[in-house]
Amino acid sequence: MADIFTAITSNITVSNINKGVPAKAVLSMTPSFFFLYINVVMLITLRSKAIFRETSRYILFTNMLLADSLNLAFCMLMYSFAIFRVYFTGLVCLILVLAGGVISLISPLSLAVMALERYIAICFPLRHAEITTCRRTGMAIAIVWALGSVQSFTSLIWFLISGPLVSTSGFCSRLLMPALEVYSDINNTFTIIYFLSVGITIVYTYIGIVVAARSVSSNKLSAAKAHRTVLLHLIQLGLCLSSILFDTIVEVVRARLDLFAVLHLQYILFLGLIILPRCLSPLIYGLRDQTFRPLFIYYVTFGLSTTCKELKISVVFKSS
């Protein structure tokens, strides 16, 4: 999450030399609010019918959507704090950083579990219902959140051991974080481990599903849909990974461009690498599902579409 705090801090500096910050704030906050609304409607849709609450892949999708929504809301909150010059003590800043770190890791870890669920559905169809029960799916989600908390918990222990936090107030950025170098090392190490593990899992399940699609002729259609879904997971992982590249790109351009250009580039990267992936990822995945999409369109249009209403009735009939 350090990249997010760096990006937001850069906008404070921009505000001191550029009077167009209100326009930039509107440009970044408007799509964020819109997609947060879309995510909330998706969550309402997923809780509206038993078929979504009792099917493992929809339960896992709900968990990932919740994590992305919290992540997006967290970014918007911190950006608002930057705009209104809200300052924090070192302890509060530490809590915000660690909480943000947990939220940011849930999505990639959820993608790995969702890919495994599709792998089991195609490669072990007779045991799929037995393995992916609601109880086991809930346990998998609990493990995802536990694994996502390991990095922040380790960082918290290190901060407690390293000494007292900075007592002065300021905007929550790296300047308020003690033992920054070690924290960055911990953050980078865990990030590499998590993304390598998730990447290997998704690639393995994708290969397994492709092999199953070629060998089992009776289930080729389902397998084809499944390996497209897992491929989408891999793309989503790339979107999550893109935010980690923020610091690297900024460091490279900082050595080549002047301060004014770097600050503007940081703003663009903040939108493109941090905000945009968290907006588009759930939307792209959710609208592909033929069962979920009609109900989602019905709710997002406030039930005004008669076509969606008919589709809603059809889905209710199927799930009853």
C-alpha atoms as a PDB file:
ATOM      1  CA  MET A   1       0.000   0.000   0.000  1.00  0.00           C
ATOM      2  CA  ALA A   2       2.975   2.351   0.144  1.00  0.00           C
ATOM      3  CA  ASP A   3       2.448   3.200  -3.530  1.00  0.00           C
ATOM      4  CA  ILE A   4      -1.040   4.519  -2.805  1.00  0.00           C
ATOM      5  CA  PHE A   5       0.177   6.781  -0.013  1.00  0.00           C
ATOM      6  CA  THR A   6       3.017   8.061  -2.213  1.00  0.00           C
ATOM      7  CA  ALA A   7       0.586   8.801  -5.040  1.00  0.00           C
ATOM      8  CA  ILE A   8      -1.809  10.671  -2.765  1.00  0.00           C
ATOM      9  CA  THR A   9       0.998  12.599  -1.090  1.00  0.00           C
ATOM     10  CA  SER A  10       2.190  13.760  -4.498  1.00  0.00           C
ATOM     11  CA  ASN A  11      -1.172  15.418  -5.080  1.00  0.00           C
ATOM     12  CA  ILE A  12      -0.621  17.587  -1.990  1.00  0.00           C
ATOM     13  CA  THR A  13       2.615  18.842  -3.528  1.00  0.00           C
ATOM     14  CA  VAL A  14       0.835  19.424  -6.818  1.00  0.00           C
ATOM     15  CA  SER A  15      -1.733  21.558  -5.004  1.00  0.00           C
ATOM     16  CA  ASN A  16       0.987  23.964  -3.943  1.00  0.00           C
ATOM     17  CA  ILE A  17       2.066  24.665  -7.541  1.00  0.00           C
ATOM     18  CA  ASN A  18      -1.050  23.952  -9.567  1.00  0.00           C
ATOM     19  CA  LYS A  19      -4.385  25.700  -9.000  1.00  0.00           C
ATOM     20  CA  GLY A  20      -6.209  23.091 -11.113  1.00  0.00           C
ATOM     21  CA  VAL A  21      -6.314  20.506  -8.347  1.00  0.00           C
ATOM     22  CA  PRO A  22     -10.119  20.774  -7.822  1.00  0.00           C
ATOM     23  CA  ALA A  23     -10.618  19.684 -11.437  1.00  0.00           C
ATOM     24  CA  LYS A  24      -8.194  16.809 -10.901  1.00  0.00           C
ATOM     25  CA  ALA A  25     -10.009  15.812  -7.734  1.00  0.00           C
ATOM     26  CA  VAL A  26     -13.323  15.712  -9.596  1.00  0.00           C
ATOM     27  CA  LEU A  27     -11.726  13.752 -12.432  1.00  0.00           C
ATOM     28  CA  SER A  28     -10.445  11.074 -10.063  1.00  0.00           C
ATOM     29  CA  MET A  29     -13.296  10.982  -7.536  1.00  0.00           C
ATOM     30  CA  THR A  30     -16.239  10.918  -9.976  1.00  0.00           C
ATOM     31  CA  PRO A  31     -15.413   7.575 -11.667  1.00  0.00           C
ATOM     32  CA  SER A  32     -14.415   6.175  -8.272  1.00  0.00           C
ATOM     33  CA  PHE A  33     -17.836   7.008  -6.791  1.00  0.00           C
ATOM     34  CA  PHE A  34     -19.559   5.632  -9.892  1.00  0.00           C
ATOM     35  CA  PHE A  35     -17.743   2.303  -9.818  1.00  0.00           C
ATOM     36  CA  LEU A  36     -18.152   2.055  -6.062  1.00  0.00           C
ATOM     37  CA  TYR A  37     -21.893   2.386  -6.655  1.00  0.00           C
ATOM     38  CA  ILE A  38     -21.676  -0.351  -9.311  1.00  0.00           C
ATOM     39  CA  ASN A  39     -19.841  -2.599  -6.855  1.00  0.00           C
ATOM     40  CA  VAL A  40     -22.451  -2.001  -4.157  1.00  0.00           C
ATOM     41  CA  VAL A  41     -25.240  -2.911  -6.613  1.00  0.00           C
ATOM     42  CA  MET A  42     -23.310  -6.073  -7.488  1.00  0.00           C
ATOM     43  CA  LEU A  43     -23.048  -6.988  -3.806  1.00  0.00           C
ATOM     44  CA  ILE A  44     -26.780  -6.408  -3.351  1.00  0.00           C
ATOM     45  CA  THR A  45     -27.467  -8.590  -6.394  1.00  0.00           C
ATOM     46  CA  LEU A  46     -25.265 -11.369  -5.043  1.00  0.00           C
ATOM     47  CA  ARG A  47     -27.150 -11.324  -1.735  1.00  0.00           C
ATOM     48  CA  SER A  48     -30.593 -11.209  -3.351  1.00  0.00           C
ATOM     49  CA  LYS A  49     -30.968 -14.867  -4.404  1.00  0.00           C
ATOM     50  CA  ALA A  50     -30.178 -18.180  -2.785  1.00  0.00           C
ATOM     51  CA  ILE A  51     -28.389 -19.426  -5.909  1.00  0.00           C
ATOM     52  CA  PHE A  52     -25.736 -16.744  -5.386  1.00  0.00           C
ATOM     53  CA  ARG A  53     -25.489 -17.237  -1.617  1.00  0.00           C
ATOM     54  CA  GLU A  54     -25.144 -21.030  -1.818  1.00  0.00           C
ATOM     55  CA  THR A  55     -22.884 -21.523  -4.866  1.00  0.00           C
ATOM     56  CA  SER A  56     -19.160 -21.530  -4.150  1.00  0.00           C
ATOM     57  CA  ARG A  57     -18.031 -19.485  -7.164  1.00  0.00           C
ATOM     58  CA  TYR A  58     -20.542 -16.727  -6.386  1.00  0.00           C
ATOM     59  CA  ILE A  59     -19.503 -16.733  -2.728  1.00  0.00           C
ATOM     60  CA  LEU A  60     -15.869 -16.351  -3.764  1.00  0.00           C
ATOM     61  CA  PHE A  61     -16.809 -13.611  -6.230  1.00  0.00           C
ATOM     62  CA  THR A  62     -18.677 -11.796  -3.438  1.00  0.00           C
ATOM     63  CA  ASN A  63     -15.559 -11.916  -1.282  1.00  0.00           C
ATOM     64  CA  MET A  64     -13.350 -10.522  -4.069  1.00  0.00           C
ATOM     65  CA  LEU A  65     -15.904  -7.834  -4.903  1.00  0.00           C
ATOM     66  CA  LEU A  66     -16.105  -6.825  -1.242  1.00  0.00           C
ATOM     67  CA  ALA A  67     -12.304  -6.563  -1.044  1.00  0.00           C
ATOM     68  CA  ASP A  68     -12.137  -4.461  -4.229  1.00  0.00           C
ATOM     69  CA  SER A  69     -14.919  -2.199  -2.951  1.00  0.00           C
ATOM     70  CA  LEU A  70     -13.163  -1.687   0.389  1.00  0.00           C
ATOM     71  CA  ASN A  71      -9.912  -1.014  -1.459  1.00  0.00           C
ATOM     72  CA  LEU A  72     -11.539   1.557  -3.719  1.00  0.00           C
ATOM     73  CA  ALA A  73     -13.326   3.209  -0.789  1.00  0.00           C
ATOM     74  CA  PHE A  74     -10.046   3.296   1.148  1.00  0.00           C
ATOM     75  CA  CYS A  75      -8.255   5.029  -1.748  1.00  0.00           C
ATOM     76  CA  MET A  76     -11.073   7.569  -2.032  1.00  0.00           C
ATOM     77  CA  LEU A  77     -10.992   8.203   1.718  1.00  0.00           C
ATOM     78  CA  MET A  78      -7.249   8.807   1.745  1.00  0.00           C
ATOM     79  CA  TYR A  79      -7.532  11.035  -1.318  1.00  0.00           C
ATOM     80  CA  SER A  80     -10.227  13.055   0.473  1.00  0.00           C
ATOM     81  CA  PHE A  81      -7.960  13.396   3.493  1.00  0.00           C
ATOM     82  CA  ALA A  82      -5.278  14.742   1.162  1.00  0.00           C
ATOM     83  CA  ILE A  83      -7.621  17.271  -0.425  1.00  0.00           C
ATOM     84  CA  PHE A  84      -8.885  18.587   2.931  1.00  0.00           C
ATOM     85  CA  ARG A  85      -5.430  18.469   4.596  1.00  0.00           C
ATOM     86  CA  VAL A  86      -6.389  15.994   7.314  1.00  0.00           C
ATOM     87  CA  TYR A  87      -3.341  15.105   9.406  1.00  0.00           C
ATOM     88  CA  PHE A  88      -2.659  12.045  11.549  1.00  0.00           C
ATOM     89  CA  THR A  89      -0.333  10.962  14.307  1.00  0.00           C
ATOM     90  CA  GLY A  90       2.155   8.167  13.693  1.00  0.00           C
ATOM     91  CA  LEU A  91      -0.050   5.561  15.428  1.00  0.00           C
ATOM     92  CA  VAL A  92      -3.161   6.346  13.372  1.00  0.00           C
ATOM     93  CA  CYS A  93      -1.086   6.430  10.191  1.00  0.00           C
ATOM     94  CA  LEU A  94       0.352   3.012  11.044  1.00  0.00           C
ATOM     95  CA  ILE A  95      -3.146   1.574  11.511  1.00  0.00           C
ATOM     96  CA  LEU A  96      -4.262   3.004   8.162  1.00  0.00           C
ATOM     97  CA  VAL A  97      -1.206   1.658   6.337  1.00  0.00           C
ATOM     98  CA  LEU A  98      -1.535  -1.836   7.803  1.00  0.00           C
ATOM     99  CA  ALA A  99      -5.308  -1.979   7.222  1.00  0.00           C
ATOM    100  CA  GLY A 100      -4.796  -0.880   3.631  1.00  0.00           C
ATOM    101  CA  GLY A 101      -2.120  -3.545   3.223  1.00  0.00           C
ATOM    102  CA  VAL A 102      -4.536  -6.279   4.279  1.00  0.00           C
ATOM    103  CA  ILE A 103      -7.301  -5.100   1.942  1.00  0.00           C
ATOM    104  CA  SER A 104      -4.995  -4.796  -1.061  1.00  0.00           C
ATOM    105  CA  LEU A 105      -3.855  -8.428  -0.826  1.00  0.00           C
ATOM    106  CA  ILE A 106      -7.296 -10.041  -0.584  1.00  0.00           C
ATOM    107  CA  SER A 107      -8.144  -9.642  -4.277  1.00  0.00           C
ATOM    108  CA  PRO A 108      -5.121 -11.505  -5.726  1.00  0.00           C
ATOM    109  CA  LEU A 109      -5.432 -14.256  -3.120  1.00  0.00           C
ATOM    110  CA  SER A 110      -9.143 -14.574  -3.907  1.00  0.00           C
ATOM    111  CA  LEU A 111      -8.311 -14.927  -7.594  1.00  0.00           C
ATOM    112  CA  ALA A 112      -6.166 -17.964  -6.798  1.00  0.00           C
ATOM    113  CA  VAL A 113      -8.988 -19.639  -4.852  1.00  0.00           C
ATOM    114  CA  MET A 114     -11.496 -18.840  -7.613  1.00  0.00           C
ATOM    115  CA  ALA A 115      -9.168 -20.384 -10.194  1.00  0.00           C
ATOM    116  CA  LEU A 116      -8.838 -23.512  -8.052  1.00  0.00           C
ATOM    117  CA  GLU A 117     -12.636 -23.743  -7.805  1.00  0.00           C
ATOM    118  CA  ARG A 118     -12.949 -23.690 -11.612  1.00  0.00           C
ATOM    119  CA  TYR A 119     -10.138 -26.244 -11.874  1.00  0.00           C
ATOM    120  CA  ILE A 120     -11.990 -28.621  -9.533  1.00  0.00           C
ATOM    121  CA  ALA A 121     -15.271 -28.072 -11.416  1.00  0.00           C
ATOM    122  CA  ILE A 122     -13.717 -29.144 -14.736  1.00  0.00           C
ATOM    123  CA  CYS A 123     -11.081 -31.687 -13.728  1.00  0.00           C
ATOM    124  CA  PHE A 124     -13.025 -33.331 -10.878  1.00  0.00           C
ATOM    125  CA  PRO A 125     -16.690 -32.746 -11.798  1.00  0.00           C
ATOM    126  CA  LEU A 126     -18.010 -35.703  -9.787  1.00  0.00           C
ATOM    127  CA  ARG A 127     -16.377 -34.422  -6.593  1.00  0.00           C
ATOM    128  CA  HIS A 128     -16.957 -30.710  -7.186  1.00  0.00           C
ATOM    129  CA  ALA A 129     -20.136 -30.475  -5.108  1.00  0.00           C
ATOM    130  CA  GLU A 130     -18.506 -32.463  -2.301  1.00  0.00           C
ATOM    131  CA  ILE A 131     -15.318 -30.369  -2.219  1.00  0.00           C
ATOM    132  CA  THR A 132     -16.768 -26.896  -2.750  1.00  0.00           C
ATOM    133  CA  THR A 133     -19.447 -26.846  -0.078  1.00  0.00           C
ATOM    134  CA  CYS A 134     -20.521 -23.556   1.513  1.00  0.00           C
ATOM    135  CA  ARG A 135     -18.688 -24.483   4.710  1.00  0.00           C
ATOM    136  CA  ARG A 136     -15.418 -25.242   2.938  1.00  0.00           C
ATOM    137  CA  THR A 137     -15.783 -22.142   0.797  1.00  0.00           C
ATOM    138  CA  GLY A 138     -16.180 -20.087   3.975  1.00  0.00           C
ATOM    139  CA  MET A 139     -13.058 -21.730   5.398  1.00  0.00           C
ATOM    140  CA  ALA A 140     -11.158 -20.888   2.204  1.00  0.00           C
ATOM    141  CA  ILE A 141     -12.225 -17.247   2.503  1.00  0.00           C
ATOM    142  CA  ALA A 142     -11.119 -17.199   6.154  1.00  0.00           C
ATOM    143  CA  ILE A 143      -7.705 -18.572   5.111  1.00  0.00           C
ATOM    144  CA  VAL A 144      -7.465 -15.890   2.395  1.00  0.00           C
ATOM    145  CA  TRP A 145      -8.037 -13.122   4.938  1.00  0.00           C
ATOM    146  CA  ALA A 146      -5.620 -14.751   7.380  1.00  0.00           C
ATOM    147  CA  LEU A 147      -2.888 -14.975   4.727  1.00  0.00           C
ATOM    148  CA  GLY A 148      -3.606 -11.401   3.664  1.00  0.00           C
ATOM    149  CA  SER A 149      -3.061 -10.281   7.261  1.00  0.00           C
ATOM    150  CA  VAL A 150       0.330 -11.960   7.703  1.00  0.00           C
ATOM    151  CA  GLN A 151       2.260  -9.151   6.021  1.00  0.00           C
ATOM    152  CA  SER A 152       0.621  -6.383   8.068  1.00  0.00           C
ATOM    153  CA  PHE A 153       0.895  -8.427  11.273  1.00  0.00           C
ATOM    154  CA  THR A 154       4.620  -8.964  10.653  1.00  0.00           C
ATOM    155  CA  SER A 155       5.083  -5.250   9.983  1.00  0.00           C
ATOM    156  CA  LEU A 156       3.167  -4.383  13.163  1.00  0.00           C
ATOM    157  CA  ILE A 157       5.445  -6.610  15.249  1.00  0.00           C
ATOM    158  CA  TRP A 158       8.493  -4.987  13.667  1.00  0.00           C
ATOM    159  CA  PHE A 159       7.201  -1.484  14.396  1.00  0.00           C
ATOM    160  CA  LEU A 160       6.504  -2.413  18.016  1.00  0.00           C
ATOM    161  CA  ILE A 161      10.022  -3.828  18.382  1.00  0.00           C
ATOM    162  CA  SER A 162      11.780  -0.981  16.564  1.00  0.00           C
ATOM    163  CA  GLY A 163      10.713   1.696  19.030  1.00  0.00           C
ATOM    164  CA  PRO A 164       8.095   4.413  19.591  1.00  0.00           C
ATOM    165  CA  LEU A 165       6.166   5.855  16.688  1.00  0.00           C
ATOM    166  CA  VAL A 166       6.545   9.429  15.520  1.00  0.00           C
ATOM    167  CA  SER A 167       4.428  11.566  17.855  1.00  0.00           C
ATOM    168  CA  THR A 168       4.133  14.604  15.569  1.00  0.00           C
ATOM    169  CA  SER A 169       1.131  15.028  13.322  1.00  0.00           C
ATOM    170  CA  GLY A 170       1.177  15.190   9.542  1.00  0.00           C
ATOM    171  CA  PHE A 171      -0.335  13.707   6.410  1.00  0.00           C
ATOM    172  CA  CYS A 172      -0.137   9.923   6.452  1.00  0.00           C
ATOM    173  CA  SER A 173       2.899   9.271   4.279  1.00  0.00           C
ATOM    174  CA  ARG A 174       6.287   7.657   4.516  1.00  0.00           C
ATOM    175  CA  LEU A 175       7.593  10.605   6.521  1.00  0.00           C
ATOM    176  CA  LEU A 176       5.524   9.487   9.511  1.00  0.00           C
ATOM    177  CA  MET A 177       6.588   5.849   9.262  1.00  0.00           C
ATOM    178  CA  PRO A 178       9.529   4.741  11.419  1.00  0.00           C
ATOM    179  CA  ALA A 179      11.952   2.042  10.294  1.00  0.00           C
ATOM    180  CA  LEU A 180      10.888   2.781   6.728  1.00  0.00           C
ATOM    181  CA  GLU A 181      13.666   0.852   5.001  1.00  0.00           C
ATOM    182  CA  VAL A 182      12.951  -2.367   6.862  1.00  0.00           C
ATOM    183  CA  TYR A 183       9.196  -1.923   6.362  1.00  0.00           C
ATOM    184  CA  SER A 184       9.747  -1.527   2.620  1.00  0.00           C
ATOM    185  CA  ASP A 185      11.850  -4.700   2.575  1.00  0.00           C
ATOM    186  CA  ILE A 186       9.128  -6.624   4.424  1.00  0.00           C
ATOM    187  CA  ASN A 187       6.453  -5.234   2.115  1.00  0.00           C
ATOM    188  CA  ASN A 188       8.403  -6.064  -1.060  1.00  0.00           C
ATOM    189  CA  THR A 189       9.294  -9.569   0.128  1.00  0.00           C
ATOM    190  CA  PHE A 190       5.714 -10.517   0.973  1.00  0.00           C
ATOM    191  CA  THR A 191       4.403  -8.928  -2.216  1.00  0.00           C
ATOM    192  CA  ILE A 192       6.761 -10.988  -4.373  1.00  0.00           C
ATOM    193  CA  ILE A 193       5.880 -14.191  -2.488  1.00  0.00           C
ATOM    194  CA  TYR A 194       2.135 -13.588  -2.742  1.00  0.00           C
ATOM    195  CA  PHE A 195       2.060 -12.668  -6.408  1.00  0.00           C
ATOM    196  CA  LEU A 196       4.396 -15.493  -7.430  1.00  0.00           C
ATOM    197  CA  SER A 197       2.247 -17.990  -5.522  1.00  0.00           C
ATOM    198  CA  VAL A 198      -0.981 -16.661  -6.990  1.00  0.00           C
ATOM    199  CA  GLY A 199       0.509 -16.469 -10.494  1.00  0.00           C
ATOM    200  CA  ILE A 200       1.792 -20.051 -10.371  1.00  0.00           C
ATOM    201  CA  THR A 201      -1.584 -21.264  -9.057  1.00  0.00           C
ATOM    202  CA  ILE A 202      -3.546 -19.525 -11.818  1.00  0.00           C
ATOM    203  CA  VAL A 203      -1.173 -20.671 -14.577  1.00  0.00           C
ATOM    204  CA  TYR A 204      -1.283 -24.260 -13.250  1.00  0.00           C
ATOM    205  CA  THR A 205      -5.091 -24.310 -13.124  1.00  0.00           C
ATOM    206  CA  TYR A 206      -5.300 -22.733 -16.588  1.00  0.00           C
ATOM    207  CA  ILE A 207      -3.049 -25.427 -18.085  1.00  0.00           C
ATOM    208  CA  GLY A 208      -4.999 -28.139 -16.274  1.00  0.00           C
ATOM    209  CA  ILE A 209      -8.318 -26.852 -17.600  1.00  0.00           C
ATOM    210  CA  VAL A 210      -6.979 -26.546 -21.153  1.00  0.00           C
ATOM    211  CA  VAL A 211      -5.744 -30.155 -21.008  1.00  0.00           C
ATOM    212  CA  ALA A 212      -9.122 -31.273 -19.656  1.00  0.00           C
ATOM    213  CA  ALA A 213     -10.913 -29.408 -22.434  1.00  0.00           C
ATOM    214  CA  ARG A 214      -8.959 -31.306 -25.068  1.00  0.00           C
ATOM    215  CA  SER A 215      -9.304 -34.739 -23.476  1.00  0.00           C
ATOM    216  CA  VAL A 216     -12.959 -34.714 -22.384  1.00  0.00           C
ATOM    217  CA  SER A 217     -15.104 -34.172 -25.468  1.00  0.00           C
ATOM    218  CA  SER A 218     -18.418 -34.282 -23.577  1.00  0.00           C
ATOM    219  CA  ASN A 219     -17.514 -31.281 -21.432  1.00  0.00           C
ATOM    220  CA  LYS A 220     -15.668 -29.128 -23.926  1.00  0.00           C
ATOM    221  CA  LEU A 221     -18.070 -26.193 -23.745  1.00  0.00           C
ATOM    222  CA  SER A 222     -17.872 -25.908 -19.959  1.00  0.00           C
ATOM    223  CA  ALA A 223     -14.118 -26.373 -20.037  1.00  0.00           C
ATOM    224  CA  ALA A 224     -13.754 -23.678 -22.687  1.00  0.00           C
ATOM    225  CA  LYS A 225     -15.731 -21.244 -20.521  1.00  0.00           C
ATOM    226  CA  ALA A 226     -13.695 -22.231 -17.485  1.00  0.00           C
ATOM    227  CA  HIS A 227     -10.293 -21.678 -19.081  1.00  0.00           C
ATOM    228  CA  ARG A 228     -11.488 -18.286 -20.387  1.00  0.00           C
ATOM    229  CA  THR A 229     -12.492 -17.444 -16.833  1.00  0.00           C
ATOM    230  CA  VAL A 230      -9.112 -18.483 -15.447  1.00  0.00           C
ATOM    231  CA  LEU A 231      -7.401 -16.518 -18.214  1.00  0.00           C
ATOM    232  CA  LEU A 232      -9.425 -13.522 -17.064  1.00  0.00           C
ATOM    233  CA  HIS A 233      -8.158 -14.186 -13.531  1.00  0.00           C
ATOM    234  CA  LEU A 234      -4.618 -13.984 -14.901  1.00  0.00           C
ATOM    235  CA  ILE A 235      -5.433 -10.637 -16.514  1.00  0.00           C
ATOM    236  CA  GLN A 236      -6.971  -9.435 -13.254  1.00  0.00           C
ATOM    237  CA  LEU A 237      -3.801 -10.486 -11.451  1.00  0.00           C
ATOM    238  CA  GLY A 238      -1.850  -8.370 -13.916  1.00  0.00           C
ATOM    239  CA  LEU A 239      -4.106  -5.427 -13.072  1.00  0.00           C
ATOM    240  CA  CYS A 240      -3.463  -5.953  -9.363  1.00  0.00           C
ATOM    241  CA  LEU A 241       0.248  -6.284 -10.033  1.00  0.00           C
ATOM    242  CA  SER A 242       0.278  -3.046 -12.032  1.00  0.00           C
ATOM    243  CA  SER A 243      -0.203  -0.966  -8.874  1.00  0.00           C
ATOM    244  CA  ILE A 244       3.052  -2.343  -7.492  1.00  0.00           C
ATOM    245  CA  LEU A 245       4.903  -0.866 -10.458  1.00  0.00           C
ATOM    246  CA  PHE A 246       3.939   2.660  -9.404  1.00  0.00           C
ATOM    247  CA  ASP A 247       7.041   3.351  -7.299  1.00  0.00           C
ATOM    248  CA  THR A 248       9.375   1.817  -9.886  1.00  0.00           C
ATOM    249  CA  ILE A 249       8.007   3.912 -12.749  1.00  0.00           C
ATOM    250  CA  VAL A 250       8.076   7.094 -10.675  1.00  0.00           C
ATOM    251  CA  GLU A 251      11.691   6.523  -9.639  1.00  0.00           C
ATOM    252  CA  VAL A 252      12.723   6.044 -13.275  1.00  0.00           C
ATOM    253  CA  VAL A 253      10.986   9.165 -14.588  1.00  0.00           C
ATOM    254  CA  ARG A 254      12.071  11.260 -11.602  1.00  0.00           C
ATOM    255  CA  ALA A 255      15.666  10.989 -12.768  1.00  0.00           C
ATOM    256  CA  ARG A 256      14.753  12.125 -16.300  1.00  0.00           C
ATOM    257  CA  LEU A 257      12.005  14.753 -15.930  1.00  0.00           C
ATOM    258  CA  ASP A 258      11.530  17.968 -13.964  1.00  0.00           C
ATOM    259  CA  LEU A 259       9.490  18.063 -10.744  1.00  0.00           C
ATOM    260  CA  PHE A 260       6.383  19.570 -12.335  1.00  0.00           C
ATOM    261  CA  ALA A 261       6.209  16.857 -15.027  1.00  0.00           C
ATOM    262  CA  VAL A 262       6.866  14.095 -12.485  1.00  0.00           C
ATOM    263  CA  LEU A 263       4.018  15.276 -10.243  1.00  0.00           C
ATOM    264  CA  HIS A 264       1.583  15.309 -13.158  1.00  0.00           C
ATOM    265  CA  LEU A 265       2.758  11.858 -14.223  1.00  0.00           C
ATOM    266  CA  GLN A 266       2.238  10.582 -10.676  1.00  0.00           C
ATOM    267  CA  TYR A 267      -1.368  11.775 -10.857  1.00  0.00           C
ATOM    268  CA  ILE A 268      -1.929   9.975 -14.182  1.00  0.00           C
ATOM    269  CA  LEU A 269      -0.322   6.787 -12.852  1.00  0.00           C
ATOM    270  CA  PHE A 270      -2.439   7.036  -9.718  1.00  0.00           C
ATOM    271  CA  LEU A 271      -5.566   6.934 -11.888  1.00  0.00           C
ATOM    272  CA  GLY A 272      -4.301   4.343 -14.373  1.00  0.00           C
ATOM    273  CA  LEU A 273      -2.445   1.888 -12.130  1.00  0.00           C
ATOM    274  CA  ILE A 274      -4.210   2.186  -8.780  1.00  0.00           C
ATOM    275  CA  ILE A 275      -7.790   3.428  -9.243  1.00  0.00           C
ATOM    276  CA  LEU A 276      -8.738   2.010 -12.669  1.00  0.00           C
ATOM    277  CA  PRO A 277      -7.845  -1.681 -12.017  1.00  0.00           C
ATOM    278  CA  ARG A 278      -9.969  -1.670  -8.865  1.00  0.00           C
ATOM    279  CA  CYS A 279     -12.893  -0.262 -10.842  1.00  0.00           C
ATOM    280  CA  LEU A 280     -12.863  -2.466 -13.922  1.00  0.00           C
ATOM    281  CA  SER A 281     -11.846  -5.862 -12.578  1.00  0.00           C
ATOM    282  CA  PRO A 282     -15.115  -6.835 -10.784  1.00  0.00           C
ATOM    283  CA  LEU A 283     -17.257  -5.275 -13.525  1.00  0.00           C
ATOM    284  CA  ILE A 284     -15.582  -7.251 -16.321  1.00  0.00           C
ATOM    285  CA  TYR A 285     -15.863 -10.509 -14.397  1.00  0.00           C
ATOM    286  CA  GLY A 286     -19.441  -9.995 -13.206  1.00  0.00           C
ATOM    287  CA  LEU A 287     -20.965  -9.062 -16.557  1.00  0.00           C
ATOM    288  CA  ARG A 288     -19.672 -12.244 -18.201  1.00  0.00           C
ATOM    289  CA  ASP A 289     -21.915 -14.452 -16.065  1.00  0.00           C
ATOM    290  CA  GLN A 290     -25.195 -15.230 -17.825  1.00  0.00           C
ATOM    291  CA  THR A 291     -27.056 -15.862 -14.564  1.00  0.00           C
ATOM    292  CA  PHE A 292     -25.731 -12.849 -12.700  1.00  0.00           C
ATOM    293  CA  ARG A 293     -25.883 -10.263 -15.506  1.00  0.00           C
ATOM    294  CA  PRO A 294     -29.707 -10.030 -15.978  1.00  0.00           C
ATOM    295  CA  LEU A 295     -30.304  -9.489 -12.273  1.00  0.00           C
ATOM    296  CA  PHE A 296     -27.474  -6.979 -12.043  1.00  0.00           C
ATOM    297  CA  ILE A 297     -28.893  -4.971 -14.972  1.00  0.00           C
ATOM    298  CA  TYR A 298     -32.319  -5.126 -13.332  1.00  0.00           C
ATOM    299  CA  TYR A 299     -31.036  -3.682 -10.058  1.00  0.00           C
ATOM    300  CA  VAL A 300     -28.680  -1.112 -11.619  1.00  0.00           C
ATOM    301  CA  THR A 301     -31.579   0.275 -13.717  1.00  0.00           C
ATOM    302  CA  PHE A 302     -33.845   0.348 -10.622  1.00  0.00           C
ATOM    303  CA  GLY A 303     -36.121  -2.268 -12.202  1.00  0.00           C
ATOM    304  CA  LEU A 304     -37.158  -0.011 -15.079  1.00  0.00           C
ATOM    305  CA  SER A 305     -36.268  -2.441 -17.874  1.00  0.00           C
ATOM    306  CA  THR A 306     -39.107  -4.845 -18.700  1.00  0.00           C
ATOM    307  CA  THR A 307     -36.651  -7.197 -20.431  1.00  0.00           C
ATOM    308  CA  CYS A 308     -34.547  -7.385 -17.307  1.00  0.00           C
ATOM    309  CA  LYS A 309     -37.679  -7.913 -15.251  1.00  0.00           C
ATOM    310  CA  GLU A 310     -38.620 -10.925 -17.364  1.00  0.00           C
ATOM    311  CA  LEU A 311     -35.089 -12.288 -17.050  1.00  0.00           C
ATOM    312  CA  LYS A 312     -35.253 -11.774 -13.290  1.00  0.00           C
ATOM    313  CA  ILE A 313     -38.427 -13.831 -13.094  1.00  0.00           C
ATOM    314  CA  SER A 314     -36.761 -16.555 -15.179  1.00  0.00           C
ATOM    315  CA  VAL A 315     -33.735 -16.683 -12.866  1.00  0.00           C
ATOM    316  CA  VAL A 316     -35.961 -16.805  -9.775  1.00  0.00           C
ATOM    317  CA  PHE A 317     -37.873 -19.729 -11.311  1.00  0.00           C
ATOM    318  CA  LYS A 318     -34.629 -21.602 -12.041  1.00  0.00           C
ATOM    319  CA  SER A 319     -33.248 -21.052  -8.532  1.00  0.00           C
ATOM    320  CA  SER A 320     -36.443 -22.084  -6.756  1.00  0.00           C
END
